[in-house]
Protein backbone atom coordinates (compact mmCIF):
# COMPACT_ATOMS: atom_id res chain seq x y z
CA MET A 1 53.59 100.72 179.26
CA ASP A 2 55.72 103.67 178.21
CA ASN A 3 57.22 101.57 175.44
CA ASN A 4 53.85 100.29 174.17
CA PRO A 5 52.90 102.09 170.91
CA ASN A 6 49.21 101.29 171.50
CA VAL A 7 49.30 103.12 174.83
CA HIS A 8 51.15 106.05 173.29
CA ARG A 9 48.59 106.36 170.53
CA TYR A 10 46.54 108.25 173.14
CA LEU A 11 49.49 110.26 174.45
CA TRP A 12 52.26 111.96 172.52
CA ASN A 13 53.21 109.00 170.31
CA LYS A 14 56.76 108.74 171.63
CA PRO A 15 57.09 105.30 173.22
CA THR A 16 60.33 104.78 175.11
CA GLN A 17 63.01 102.89 173.24
CA LYS A 18 65.69 102.35 175.88
CA ILE A 19 65.72 101.25 179.51
CA GLU A 20 67.46 104.53 180.39
CA GLU A 21 64.33 106.42 179.31
CA THR A 22 62.21 104.29 181.61
CA ILE A 23 64.63 104.90 184.48
CA GLU A 24 64.34 108.67 183.86
CA ILE A 25 60.54 108.42 184.06
CA ILE A 26 60.70 106.45 187.31
CA THR A 27 63.15 108.99 188.74
CA PHE A 28 60.80 111.82 187.81
CA VAL A 29 57.80 110.08 189.39
CA ARG A 30 59.71 109.38 192.59
CA LYS A 31 60.81 113.03 192.75
CA GLN A 32 57.14 114.07 192.60
CA TYR A 33 56.58 112.23 195.90
CA VAL A 34 59.47 114.10 197.53
CA ASP A 35 58.80 117.55 196.04
CA ASN A 36 55.00 117.60 196.04
CA GLY A 37 53.84 114.80 198.32
CA ILE A 38 51.89 113.17 195.48
CA GLY A 39 52.54 111.01 192.46
CA ARG A 40 51.44 108.06 190.41
CA PHE A 41 50.49 104.90 192.30
CA ALA A 42 50.47 101.29 191.14
CA MET A 43 47.09 99.77 190.33
CA ILE A 44 46.85 96.13 191.40
CA SER A 45 43.95 93.80 190.58
CA LYS A 46 42.12 92.71 193.74
CA GLU A 47 41.07 89.50 192.00
CA THR A 48 44.41 88.35 190.58
CA ASN A 49 47.01 90.53 192.34
CA GLU A 50 48.33 91.52 188.87
CA PHE A 51 49.96 94.87 188.19
CA MET A 52 47.39 96.66 186.02
CA GLY A 53 49.16 99.96 185.51
CA TRP A 54 49.27 103.21 187.43
CA ALA A 55 47.21 106.29 188.19
CA GLY A 56 47.60 109.39 190.27
CA LEU A 57 48.26 113.08 190.54
CA LYS A 58 51.18 115.03 189.16
CA PHE A 59 52.18 118.64 189.63
CA ASN A 60 52.97 119.78 186.10
CA THR A 61 55.54 122.54 185.65
CA GLU A 62 55.75 122.22 181.86
CA MET A 63 53.66 124.33 179.50
CA VAL A 64 50.50 122.46 178.44
CA ASN A 65 47.67 124.29 176.68
CA ASN A 66 49.25 127.61 177.71
CA LYS A 67 49.23 126.64 181.40
CA THR A 68 51.98 125.77 183.86
CA ASN A 69 52.14 124.83 187.53
CA PHE A 70 48.97 122.80 187.74
CA TYR A 71 47.90 119.37 188.95
CA ASP A 72 46.74 116.71 186.56
CA ILE A 73 45.38 113.20 186.85
CA GLY A 74 47.09 110.59 184.75
CA TYR A 75 46.93 106.88 184.23
CA ARG A 76 48.32 104.16 182.05
CA LEU A 77 46.95 100.65 181.97
CA ASP A 78 48.14 97.42 180.45
CA GLU A 79 45.96 96.66 177.42
CA ASN A 80 44.47 93.63 179.20
CA PHE A 81 42.68 96.06 181.51
CA TRP A 82 41.33 98.50 178.93
CA GLY A 83 37.61 99.07 178.54
CA LYS A 84 36.65 97.80 181.99
CA GLY A 85 36.18 101.11 183.82
CA TYR A 86 39.39 100.98 185.85
CA ALA A 87 40.72 104.30 184.52
CA SER A 88 37.42 106.02 185.29
CA GLU A 89 37.30 104.53 188.77
CA ALA A 90 40.87 105.64 189.49
CA SER A 91 40.27 109.12 188.06
CA PHE A 92 37.18 109.69 190.23
CA ALA A 93 39.07 108.49 193.31
CA TRP A 94 41.98 110.84 192.60
CA LEU A 95 39.62 113.76 191.95
CA LYS A 96 37.99 113.16 195.31
CA TYR A 97 41.38 112.94 197.03
CA ALA A 98 42.64 116.09 195.31
CA TYR A 99 39.60 118.19 196.19
CA GLU A 100 38.73 116.83 199.62
CA THR A 101 42.10 115.89 201.11
CA LEU A 102 44.64 118.09 199.37
CA LYS A 103 42.19 121.00 198.90
CA ILE A 104 43.36 121.56 195.33
CA LYS A 105 41.03 124.02 193.63
CA THR A 106 41.71 123.13 189.97
CA ILE A 107 42.75 119.89 188.26
């Protein structure tokens, strides 16, 4: 999904061009699990067992809107799963997990 221009239309409009870029993203996500105990998780359709995309928490150390060192919720879905409420459902689940389980005060 990181190389899909339609997905990136809603992000920073820089789809990946090379497999090495995708490997860097995967490495970063895996490091989040080790460093912060959280990360992005695969979303799998219960009906078809298809990979739909991913969603989850990330601890962001880069400057975004004049803020650093904060948690965010992110997701990316294959276009076949857009407009069906999956991103909302995942976001609400991750909010609940962040507040109730991890005791994060701000997302």
